[in-house]
Amino acid sequence: MNQEMYIPAGVILGKLTKRYISILTEKLQHVPIERNFYPLLIIGQKSGEISQNELVALMDSDKVSVFRMVDYLEKENMIYKNTSNDDKRCQLLFISEKGKGYLNDIEKAFKEVDTLFNVISDNPVIAQQLHQLMSALEKEPGQNISLYYDRLTNNK
């Protein structure tokens, strides 16, 4: 009875996601926020040019989750909102001076963690297969879900 145990792809991808977030969080432990590094990076790169709805689309997330992220980042004084000159109903997102001070570190940390995944980016066949897999899965019925990593805990 030496049969290898079947491990679903979702379990493997979930473990990779958790490990990615763990390594990224370790690299950014000096940044005074617990999470939301990616939305902060997007807002920093598009400061004054992006609305909350555009952030929702870029993050492929739901409005409530993005609202919470923006609210959190604003409370931490990493970003601020201003009304658009073109459309008074639209609030544009801006990076604050405090947030600007961490953008380079955040981008660098993402790039460093991404290099650990170079087996994917260095191999066009694997990268293409992952893109094909994503396209195929998007066509399948199923609900969009959000993963919440509000508080990272050490499960060792």
Protein backbone atom coordinates (compact mmCIF):
# COMPACT_ATOMS: atom_id res chain seq x y z
CA MET A 1 0.00 0.00 0.00
CA ASN A 2 2.72 2.40 -1.09
CA GLN A 3 0.41 4.51 -3.26
CA GLU A 4 1.22 8.21 -3.46
CA MET A 5 -1.39 10.45 -1.90
CA TYR A 6 -3.32 12.63 -4.33
CA ILE A 7 -2.92 16.36 -3.63
CA PRO A 8 -5.36 18.63 -5.50
CA ALA A 9 -3.87 21.52 -7.51
CA GLY A 10 -5.86 23.99 -5.39
CA VAL A 11 -4.07 22.82 -2.25
CA ILE A 12 -0.67 23.30 -3.89
CA LEU A 13 -1.61 26.74 -5.26
CA GLY A 14 -3.04 27.73 -1.87
CA LYS A 15 0.21 26.74 -0.16
CA LEU A 16 2.21 28.73 -2.72
CA THR A 17 -0.02 31.76 -2.09
CA LYS A 18 0.42 31.52 1.68
CA ARG A 19 4.18 31.11 1.33
CA TYR A 20 4.39 34.08 -1.06
CA ILE A 21 2.48 36.29 1.38
CA SER A 22 4.57 35.04 4.30
CA ILE A 23 7.88 35.84 2.60
CA LEU A 24 6.61 39.22 1.39
CA THR A 25 5.33 40.13 4.86
CA GLU A 26 8.68 39.19 6.41
CA LYS A 27 10.51 41.44 3.96
CA LEU A 28 8.13 44.31 4.73
CA GLN A 29 7.88 43.94 8.50
CA HIS A 30 9.32 47.47 8.89
CA VAL A 31 6.37 48.98 6.98
CA PRO A 32 3.79 50.10 9.55
CA ILE A 33 0.83 48.35 7.94
CA GLU A 34 -0.19 44.74 8.38
CA ARG A 35 -1.37 44.10 4.85
CA ASN A 36 -2.54 45.80 1.66
CA PHE A 37 0.90 46.29 0.19
CA TYR A 38 -0.33 45.72 -3.36
CA PRO A 39 -3.14 48.31 -3.31
CA LEU A 40 -0.71 50.78 -1.75
CA LEU A 41 1.75 50.07 -4.57
CA ILE A 42 -0.95 50.58 -7.22
CA ILE A 43 -2.13 53.84 -5.64
CA GLY A 44 1.48 55.01 -5.39
CA GLN A 45 2.12 54.27 -9.06
CA LYS A 46 -1.11 55.95 -10.19
CA SER A 47 -1.40 58.63 -7.50
CA GLY A 48 -4.10 61.14 -8.40
CA GLU A 49 -5.04 59.20 -11.52
CA ILE A 50 -7.00 56.35 -9.98
CA SER A 51 -10.43 56.15 -8.40
CA GLN A 52 -11.65 53.52 -6.00
CA ASN A 53 -13.69 51.87 -8.79
CA GLU A 54 -10.60 51.69 -11.01
CA LEU A 55 -8.70 50.10 -8.12
CA VAL A 56 -11.48 47.49 -7.83
CA ALA A 57 -10.99 46.60 -11.51
CA LEU A 58 -7.19 46.52 -11.32
CA MET A 59 -7.25 44.26 -8.28
CA ASP A 60 -10.01 42.04 -9.68
CA SER A 61 -11.74 42.35 -6.33
CA ASP A 62 -15.11 43.39 -4.98
CA LYS A 63 -16.07 46.94 -4.01
CA VAL A 64 -16.53 46.19 -0.31
CA SER A 65 -13.07 44.62 0.05
CA VAL A 66 -11.39 47.47 -1.80
CA PHE A 67 -13.35 50.02 0.26
CA ARG A 68 -11.99 48.38 3.42
CA MET A 69 -8.44 48.39 2.05
CA VAL A 70 -8.66 52.06 1.08
CA ASP A 71 -10.21 52.93 4.44
CA TYR A 72 -7.44 51.07 6.27
CA LEU A 73 -4.66 52.73 4.24
CA GLU A 74 -6.27 56.13 4.77
CA LYS A 75 -6.52 55.57 8.55
CA GLU A 76 -2.83 54.62 8.56
CA ASN A 77 -2.07 57.92 6.73
CA MET A 78 -0.59 56.06 3.77
CA ILE A 79 -3.04 57.55 1.26
CA TYR A 80 -5.65 60.28 1.02
CA LYS A 81 -8.62 61.08 -1.21
CA ASN A 82 -9.47 64.24 -3.13
CA THR A 83 -12.45 65.05 -5.29
CA SER A 84 -11.75 64.93 -9.01
CA ASN A 85 -11.74 68.27 -10.83
CA ASP A 86 -13.40 66.60 -13.82
CA ASP A 87 -16.16 64.75 -11.94
CA LYS A 88 -17.17 66.01 -8.50
CA ARG A 89 -18.77 62.64 -7.73
CA CYS A 90 -15.42 60.86 -8.12
CA GLN A 91 -12.83 60.60 -5.38
CA LEU A 92 -9.26 60.13 -6.61
CA LEU A 93 -6.71 58.28 -4.52
CA PHE A 94 -3.33 59.81 -3.72
CA ILE A 95 -0.26 58.46 -1.99
CA SER A 96 0.69 60.44 1.12
CA GLU A 97 4.21 61.53 1.99
CA LYS A 98 4.29 58.76 4.59
CA GLY A 99 3.20 56.21 1.97
CA LYS A 100 5.74 57.48 -0.56
CA GLY A 101 8.47 56.67 1.93
CA TYR A 102 7.67 52.95 1.66
CA LEU A 103 6.91 52.56 -2.07
CA ASN A 104 10.44 51.65 -3.13
CA ASP A 105 10.71 49.06 -0.35
CA ILE A 106 7.36 47.54 -1.29
CA GLU A 107 8.18 47.33 -5.00
CA LYS A 108 11.61 45.88 -4.23
CA ALA A 109 10.11 43.25 -1.90
CA PHE A 110 7.57 42.18 -4.54
CA LYS A 111 10.33 41.85 -7.13
CA GLU A 112 12.53 39.87 -4.74
CA VAL A 113 9.74 37.44 -3.92
CA ASP A 114 8.83 37.20 -7.61
CA THR A 115 12.40 36.12 -8.39
CA LEU A 116 11.79 33.08 -6.18
CA PHE A 117 9.10 32.18 -8.70
CA ASN A 118 11.46 32.57 -11.68
CA VAL A 119 10.94 28.94 -12.48
CA ILE A 120 7.65 30.22 -13.89
CA SER A 121 8.79 33.43 -15.59
CA ASP A 122 12.01 31.86 -16.94
CA ASN A 123 10.10 29.00 -18.50
CA PRO A 124 7.72 30.26 -21.23
CA VAL A 125 5.99 26.87 -21.40
CA ILE A 126 5.03 26.93 -17.71
CA ALA A 127 4.00 30.59 -17.92
CA GLN A 128 1.85 29.88 -20.98
CA GLN A 129 0.26 26.86 -19.30
CA LEU A 130 -0.60 28.91 -16.22
CA HIS A 131 -2.21 31.60 -18.40
CA GLN A 132 -4.15 28.93 -20.30
CA LEU A 133 -5.25 27.40 -17.00
CA MET A 134 -6.44 30.78 -15.74
CA SER A 135 -8.36 31.45 -18.97
CA ALA A 136 -9.98 28.02 -18.85
CA LEU A 137 -10.94 28.38 -15.18
CA GLU A 138 -12.48 31.81 -15.77
CA LYS A 139 -14.92 30.19 -18.23
CA GLU A 140 -16.07 27.59 -15.69
CA PRO A 141 -19.11 28.27 -13.51
CA GLY A 142 -18.29 29.32 -9.98
CA GLN A 143 -18.52 32.28 -7.67
CA ASN A 144 -15.84 34.91 -7.35
CA ILE A 145 -14.43 34.68 -3.86
CA SER A 146 -12.16 36.86 -1.81
CA LEU A 147 -9.42 35.59 0.42
CA TYR A 148 -8.97 37.61 3.58
CA TYR A 149 -5.55 37.73 5.13
CA ASP A 150 -6.42 40.44 7.63
CA ARG A 151 -4.11 39.20 10.30
CA LEU A 152 -1.19 36.99 9.48
CA THR A 153 -0.45 34.42 12.13
CA ASN A 154 2.45 32.07 12.54
CA ASN A 155 1.19 28.49 12.43
CA LYS A 156 4.54 26.84 13.14
